[in-house]
């Protein structure tokens, strides 16, 4: 019994001494924190997405207080939050515009031809290292969901082995942009409703061999749109998102161009097309089971 009491007493004394040592050390070696940093952290949304280029919200808050970044550099913050941070620190909020991500590829499971069976790690980066993945187009979306898994807001859906962004959910943090091994994802102005869903720089006949919805470089969209709305690089045509005096192309340009492959379309039509193909595939599967 005496042994137990002595042991308990010794443990108690050790705990007391350790507590005192830790307490003194914390006072002696304490790093003073700037209350303004804590204030900014409290006003930030707390997504820790890294879209600002910093490690997280705390790191971004420090950069704002230090004057390295304006409050508007946070892509997730609302206009009210940015204004509140600027007012609290007595600084300029900075000018900004909302951006959203878009996957510039339309080669889904039904449109892009497969050149091999892939049985490795179901990840776009891993697939890129193994014979370029299963799809024949070496510039197309792998559709394995690395971007979807990296998105902190669930704005990307994989439909028919193709990544599709829901712009109403996307906040433009850019996490997915850094994830895609083929650099198919771009941050564009939120007002951009029309895209050319093809990123291949190859000539039309070569693209047609591996995909049924490529950009052929026919330039019908360029002729139908206003000056400066499209950019031509060799046989590759893309929307010019740097809005000039003529603005971004709209549905009227899509209708007037009559894109022969259908790679020029609105975001809404792109999503509608993918869902329709998915529904058709499910119906065929169900009929096959009967």
Protein backbone atom coordinates (compact mmCIF):
# COMPACT_ATOMS: atom_id res chain seq x y z
CA UNK A 1 0.00 0.00 0.00
CA UNK A 2 2.85 2.36 0.89
CA UNK A 3 4.44 1.62 -2.48
CA UNK A 4 1.25 2.64 -4.31
CA UNK A 5 0.96 5.90 -2.31
CA UNK A 6 4.60 6.77 -2.93
CA UNK A 7 4.21 6.08 -6.66
CA UNK A 8 1.08 8.24 -6.83
CA UNK A 9 2.82 11.04 -4.92
CA UNK A 10 5.87 10.91 -7.20
CA UNK A 11 3.65 11.02 -10.31
CA UNK A 12 1.78 13.97 -8.86
CA UNK A 13 4.97 15.88 -8.13
CA UNK A 14 6.33 15.15 -11.63
CA UNK A 15 3.07 16.36 -13.21
CA UNK A 16 3.14 19.55 -11.13
CA UNK A 17 6.77 20.32 -11.96
CA UNK A 18 6.18 19.55 -15.68
CA UNK A 19 3.17 21.86 -15.71
CA UNK A 20 5.18 24.66 -14.13
CA UNK A 21 8.05 24.18 -16.61
CA UNK A 22 5.66 24.22 -19.60
CA UNK A 23 3.90 27.30 -18.25
CA UNK A 24 7.14 29.22 -17.76
CA UNK A 25 8.47 28.12 -21.15
CA UNK A 26 5.29 29.23 -22.90
CA UNK A 27 5.65 32.69 -21.37
CA UNK A 28 9.37 33.01 -22.09
CA UNK A 29 9.23 31.76 -25.68
CA UNK A 30 5.79 33.04 -26.66
CA UNK A 31 5.60 34.62 -30.12
CA UNK A 32 3.40 37.72 -30.01
CA UNK A 33 0.50 37.46 -32.48
CA UNK A 34 -0.94 40.36 -34.40
CA UNK A 35 -4.61 40.76 -33.42
CA UNK A 36 -5.32 42.03 -36.94
CA UNK A 37 -4.40 38.60 -38.33
CA UNK A 38 -6.94 36.94 -36.03
CA UNK A 39 -9.50 39.53 -37.10
CA UNK A 40 -8.97 38.79 -40.81
CA UNK A 41 -9.08 35.03 -40.20
CA UNK A 42 -12.44 35.51 -38.53
CA UNK A 43 -13.77 37.40 -41.54
CA UNK A 44 -12.51 34.90 -44.13
CA UNK A 45 -14.76 31.98 -45.19
CA UNK A 46 -12.31 29.41 -43.82
CA UNK A 47 -12.27 27.19 -46.93
CA UNK A 48 -8.47 26.72 -46.86
CA UNK A 49 -8.64 25.93 -50.58
CA UNK A 50 -5.32 27.53 -51.53
CA UNK A 51 -6.89 29.48 -54.39
CA UNK A 52 -5.15 32.63 -53.18
CA UNK A 53 -1.77 31.01 -53.64
CA UNK A 54 -1.16 30.64 -49.92
CA UNK A 55 -1.10 27.55 -47.72
CA UNK A 56 -4.45 28.39 -46.15
CA UNK A 57 -6.65 31.12 -44.71
CA UNK A 58 -4.26 31.86 -41.82
CA UNK A 59 -1.32 32.29 -44.17
CA UNK A 60 -3.42 34.49 -46.46
CA UNK A 61 -4.55 36.62 -43.52
CA UNK A 62 -0.92 37.26 -42.59
CA UNK A 63 -0.14 38.31 -46.17
CA UNK A 64 -3.08 40.73 -46.21
CA UNK A 65 -2.02 42.33 -42.93
CA UNK A 66 1.56 42.56 -44.21
CA UNK A 67 0.32 44.30 -47.35
CA UNK A 68 1.47 41.51 -49.67
CA UNK A 69 -2.03 40.73 -50.96
CA UNK A 70 -5.27 42.70 -51.22
CA UNK A 71 -8.38 41.18 -49.57
CA UNK A 72 -9.97 40.47 -52.95
CA UNK A 73 -7.25 37.89 -53.75
CA UNK A 74 -9.38 35.33 -51.89
CA UNK A 75 -11.59 33.79 -54.61
CA UNK A 76 -14.06 32.33 -52.11
CA UNK A 77 -14.85 35.52 -50.17
CA UNK A 78 -18.03 37.38 -51.04
CA UNK A 79 -18.04 41.09 -51.85
CA UNK A 80 -19.34 41.75 -48.33
CA UNK A 81 -16.51 39.78 -46.71
CA UNK A 82 -13.87 41.52 -48.82
CA UNK A 83 -15.35 44.90 -47.95
CA UNK A 84 -15.44 44.01 -44.25
CA UNK A 85 -11.76 43.01 -44.25
CA UNK A 86 -10.75 46.18 -46.10
CA UNK A 87 -12.79 48.33 -43.71
CA UNK A 88 -11.36 46.60 -40.62
CA UNK A 89 -7.77 47.13 -41.79
CA UNK A 90 -8.34 50.53 -43.37
CA UNK A 91 -7.03 49.44 -46.76
CA UNK A 92 -8.29 49.22 -50.34
CA UNK A 93 -10.27 46.09 -51.17
CA UNK A 94 -8.89 45.96 -54.71
CA UNK A 95 -10.83 45.33 -57.88
CA UNK A 96 -11.74 41.80 -58.95
CA UNK A 97 -14.10 39.81 -61.13
CA UNK A 98 -15.61 36.39 -60.53
CA UNK A 99 -14.06 33.48 -62.34
CA UNK A 100 -15.18 29.89 -62.77
CA UNK A 101 -13.44 26.80 -64.07
CA UNK A 102 -14.24 25.04 -67.34
CA UNK A 103 -12.91 21.74 -68.69
CA UNK A 104 -12.17 22.40 -72.36
CA UNK A 105 -12.84 18.89 -73.66
CA UNK A 106 -15.97 17.21 -74.99
CA UNK A 107 -14.52 13.75 -75.58
CA UNK A 108 -16.56 11.62 -73.23
CA UNK A 109 -16.81 7.83 -73.17
CA UNK A 110 -19.09 7.82 -76.23
CA UNK A 111 -17.22 10.45 -78.27
CA UNK A 112 -13.53 9.67 -77.70
CA UNK A 113 -12.14 6.37 -78.92
CA UNK A 114 -10.32 4.05 -76.52
CA UNK A 115 -6.96 2.64 -77.57
CA UNK A 116 -6.30 0.44 -74.57
CA UNK A 117 -7.78 -0.95 -71.37
CA UNK A 118 -6.48 0.77 -68.26
CA UNK A 119 -6.23 -1.30 -65.10
CA UNK A 120 -4.02 0.89 -62.95
CA UNK A 121 -4.62 3.42 -60.17
CA UNK A 122 -7.82 5.30 -61.00
CA UNK A 123 -6.22 8.70 -61.05
CA UNK A 124 -5.51 11.12 -63.93
CA UNK A 125 -1.89 11.75 -62.95
CA UNK A 126 -1.18 8.02 -62.65
CA UNK A 127 -2.91 7.29 -65.96
CA UNK A 128 -0.83 9.97 -67.68
CA UNK A 129 2.28 8.01 -66.74
CA UNK A 130 0.97 4.74 -68.17
CA UNK A 131 0.80 4.92 -71.98
CA UNK A 132 -1.05 8.23 -71.76
CA UNK A 133 -4.23 6.69 -70.37
CA UNK A 134 -6.97 4.69 -72.14
CA UNK A 135 -8.32 7.38 -74.51
CA UNK A 136 -6.80 7.69 -77.98
CA UNK A 137 -6.74 11.50 -77.86
CA UNK A 138 -3.55 12.53 -76.12
CA UNK A 139 -5.02 15.99 -75.42
CA UNK A 140 -8.36 14.89 -73.94
CA UNK A 141 -9.81 14.52 -70.46
CA UNK A 142 -8.91 11.27 -68.68
CA UNK A 143 -12.23 11.39 -66.83
CA UNK A 144 -10.81 9.69 -63.74
CA UNK A 145 -11.90 12.42 -61.35
CA UNK A 146 -8.65 13.80 -59.93
CA UNK A 147 -10.02 17.31 -60.42
CA UNK A 148 -13.37 16.39 -58.88
CA UNK A 149 -11.71 14.92 -55.82
CA UNK A 150 -9.49 17.97 -55.39
CA UNK A 151 -12.36 20.48 -55.59
CA UNK A 152 -13.20 21.68 -52.04
CA UNK A 153 -16.70 22.70 -53.12
CA UNK A 154 -17.89 19.70 -55.12
CA UNK A 155 -18.28 21.76 -58.29
CA UNK A 156 -16.97 19.09 -60.71
CA UNK A 157 -18.95 16.02 -61.79
CA UNK A 158 -17.66 13.08 -63.81
CA UNK A 159 -20.25 12.18 -66.48
CA UNK A 160 -19.51 9.51 -69.09
CA UNK A 161 -15.81 9.60 -68.16
CA UNK A 162 -15.65 13.35 -68.70
CA UNK A 163 -15.13 16.07 -66.10
CA UNK A 164 -17.84 18.74 -66.21
CA UNK A 165 -17.89 21.87 -64.05
CA UNK A 166 -21.08 23.21 -62.50
CA UNK A 167 -20.43 26.98 -62.71
CA UNK A 168 -23.14 27.85 -60.19
CA UNK A 169 -21.18 25.93 -57.53
CA UNK A 170 -17.63 26.81 -58.64
CA UNK A 171 -15.93 29.69 -56.80
CA UNK A 172 -12.88 29.90 -59.04
CA UNK A 173 -10.31 28.83 -56.45
CA UNK A 174 -8.17 27.17 -59.16
CA UNK A 175 -7.41 23.98 -57.24
CA UNK A 176 -8.61 21.85 -60.13
CA UNK A 177 -6.50 23.81 -62.61
CA UNK A 178 -3.34 22.77 -60.79
CA UNK A 179 -4.53 19.15 -60.57
CA UNK A 180 -5.20 18.40 -64.27
CA UNK A 181 -2.09 16.78 -65.82
CA UNK A 182 -3.16 17.87 -69.31
CA UNK A 183 -3.95 21.47 -68.40
CA UNK A 184 -7.46 21.24 -69.84
CA UNK A 185 -9.06 23.28 -67.07
CA UNK A 186 -9.09 27.06 -67.35
CA UNK A 187 -10.37 29.84 -65.12
CA UNK A 188 -12.63 32.05 -67.21
CA UNK A 189 -14.94 34.99 -66.49
CA UNK A 190 -18.19 33.86 -64.87
CA UNK A 191 -20.10 35.59 -67.68
CA UNK A 192 -18.57 33.24 -70.28
CA UNK A 193 -21.40 30.94 -71.34
CA UNK A 194 -19.97 29.65 -74.63
CA UNK A 195 -16.85 27.51 -75.05
CA UNK A 196 -15.06 25.42 -77.64
CA UNK A 197 -14.83 22.07 -75.88
CA UNK A 198 -11.63 20.88 -77.53
CA UNK A 199 -7.98 21.56 -76.68
CA UNK A 200 -6.17 19.51 -79.31
CA UNK A 201 -3.73 21.43 -81.54
CA UNK A 202 -3.68 18.65 -84.17
CA UNK A 203 -5.14 18.97 -87.66
CA UNK A 204 -8.79 18.14 -88.22
CA UNK A 205 -8.39 14.74 -89.92
CA UNK A 206 -6.05 13.54 -87.18
CA UNK A 207 -8.49 14.61 -84.48
CA UNK A 208 -11.43 12.96 -86.25
CA UNK A 209 -9.61 9.61 -86.03
CA UNK A 210 -9.75 9.67 -82.24
CA UNK A 211 -12.80 11.81 -81.40
CA UNK A 212 -16.16 12.59 -83.00
CA UNK A 213 -16.52 16.08 -81.50
CA UNK A 214 -13.20 17.86 -82.12
CA UNK A 215 -12.55 21.39 -83.31
CA UNK A 216 -11.72 21.07 -87.01
CA UNK A 217 -10.29 24.56 -87.28
CA UNK A 218 -12.91 25.46 -89.93
CA UNK A 219 -13.26 28.93 -88.37
CA UNK A 220 -17.02 29.12 -88.87
CA UNK A 221 -17.25 30.42 -85.31
CA UNK A 222 -14.68 33.12 -86.07
CA UNK A 223 -16.73 34.29 -89.05
CA UNK A 224 -20.00 34.18 -87.10
CA UNK A 225 -18.66 36.03 -84.07
CA UNK A 226 -17.57 39.61 -83.69
CA UNK A 227 -13.97 40.65 -84.10
CA UNK A 228 -11.73 39.51 -81.27
CA UNK A 229 -14.17 37.00 -79.77
CA UNK A 230 -12.08 34.00 -80.85
CA UNK A 231 -8.37 33.25 -80.96
CA UNK A 232 -6.82 31.21 -83.78
CA UNK A 233 -3.55 29.34 -83.19
CA UNK A 234 -2.77 27.28 -86.29
CA UNK A 235 -5.75 24.94 -86.60
CA UNK A 236 -6.77 25.34 -82.97
CA UNK A 237 -9.54 27.85 -82.27
CA UNK A 238 -10.51 28.96 -78.77
CA UNK A 239 -12.74 31.58 -77.18
CA UNK A 240 -10.93 34.81 -76.33
CA UNK A 241 -11.87 35.31 -72.68
CA UNK A 242 -10.14 38.69 -72.47
CA UNK A 243 -13.36 40.55 -73.08
CA UNK A 244 -12.84 43.42 -75.48
CA UNK A 245 -15.32 45.95 -76.77
CA UNK A 246 -17.35 43.20 -78.48
CA UNK A 247 -17.65 41.11 -75.33
CA UNK A 248 -17.89 37.34 -75.13
CA UNK A 249 -19.68 35.18 -77.71
CA UNK A 250 -23.26 34.20 -76.86
CA UNK A 251 -25.89 31.72 -77.99
CA UNK A 252 -26.47 33.75 -81.17
CA UNK A 253 -22.90 33.03 -82.28
CA UNK A 254 -23.37 29.30 -81.61
CA UNK A 255 -26.52 29.29 -83.74
CA UNK A 256 -24.95 31.35 -86.55
CA UNK A 257 -21.73 29.29 -86.66
CA UNK A 258 -23.41 25.90 -86.97
CA UNK A 259 -20.30 24.10 -85.72
CA UNK A 260 -20.03 20.88 -87.82
CA UNK A 261 -18.95 18.74 -84.87
CA UNK A 262 -20.83 20.51 -82.10
CA UNK A 263 -17.76 21.33 -80.02
CA UNK A 264 -18.88 24.98 -79.88
CA UNK A 265 -21.74 25.12 -77.41
CA UNK A 266 -23.08 26.76 -74.29
CA UNK A 267 -22.30 25.45 -70.81
CA UNK A 268 -25.97 24.54 -70.33
CA UNK A 269 -26.15 22.60 -73.62
CA UNK A 270 -22.90 20.78 -72.82
CA UNK A 271 -24.27 19.60 -69.49
CA UNK A 272 -27.63 18.70 -71.05
CA UNK A 273 -25.89 16.63 -73.75
CA UNK A 274 -23.83 14.67 -71.24
CA UNK A 275 -26.85 13.91 -69.05
CA UNK A 276 -28.84 12.81 -72.11
CA UNK A 277 -26.07 10.41 -73.17
CA UNK A 278 -25.84 9.06 -69.63
CA UNK A 279 -29.60 8.45 -69.53
CA UNK A 280 -29.48 6.70 -72.91
CA UNK A 281 -26.63 4.46 -71.75
CA UNK A 282 -28.57 3.50 -68.62
CA UNK A 283 -31.65 2.70 -70.71
CA UNK A 284 -29.64 0.45 -73.02
CA UNK A 285 -28.14 -1.34 -70.02
CA UNK A 286 -31.58 -1.91 -68.50
CA UNK A 287 -32.96 -3.22 -71.81
CA UNK A 288 -30.01 -5.58 -72.09
CA UNK A 289 -30.81 -7.08 -68.71
CA UNK A 290 -34.41 -7.85 -69.66
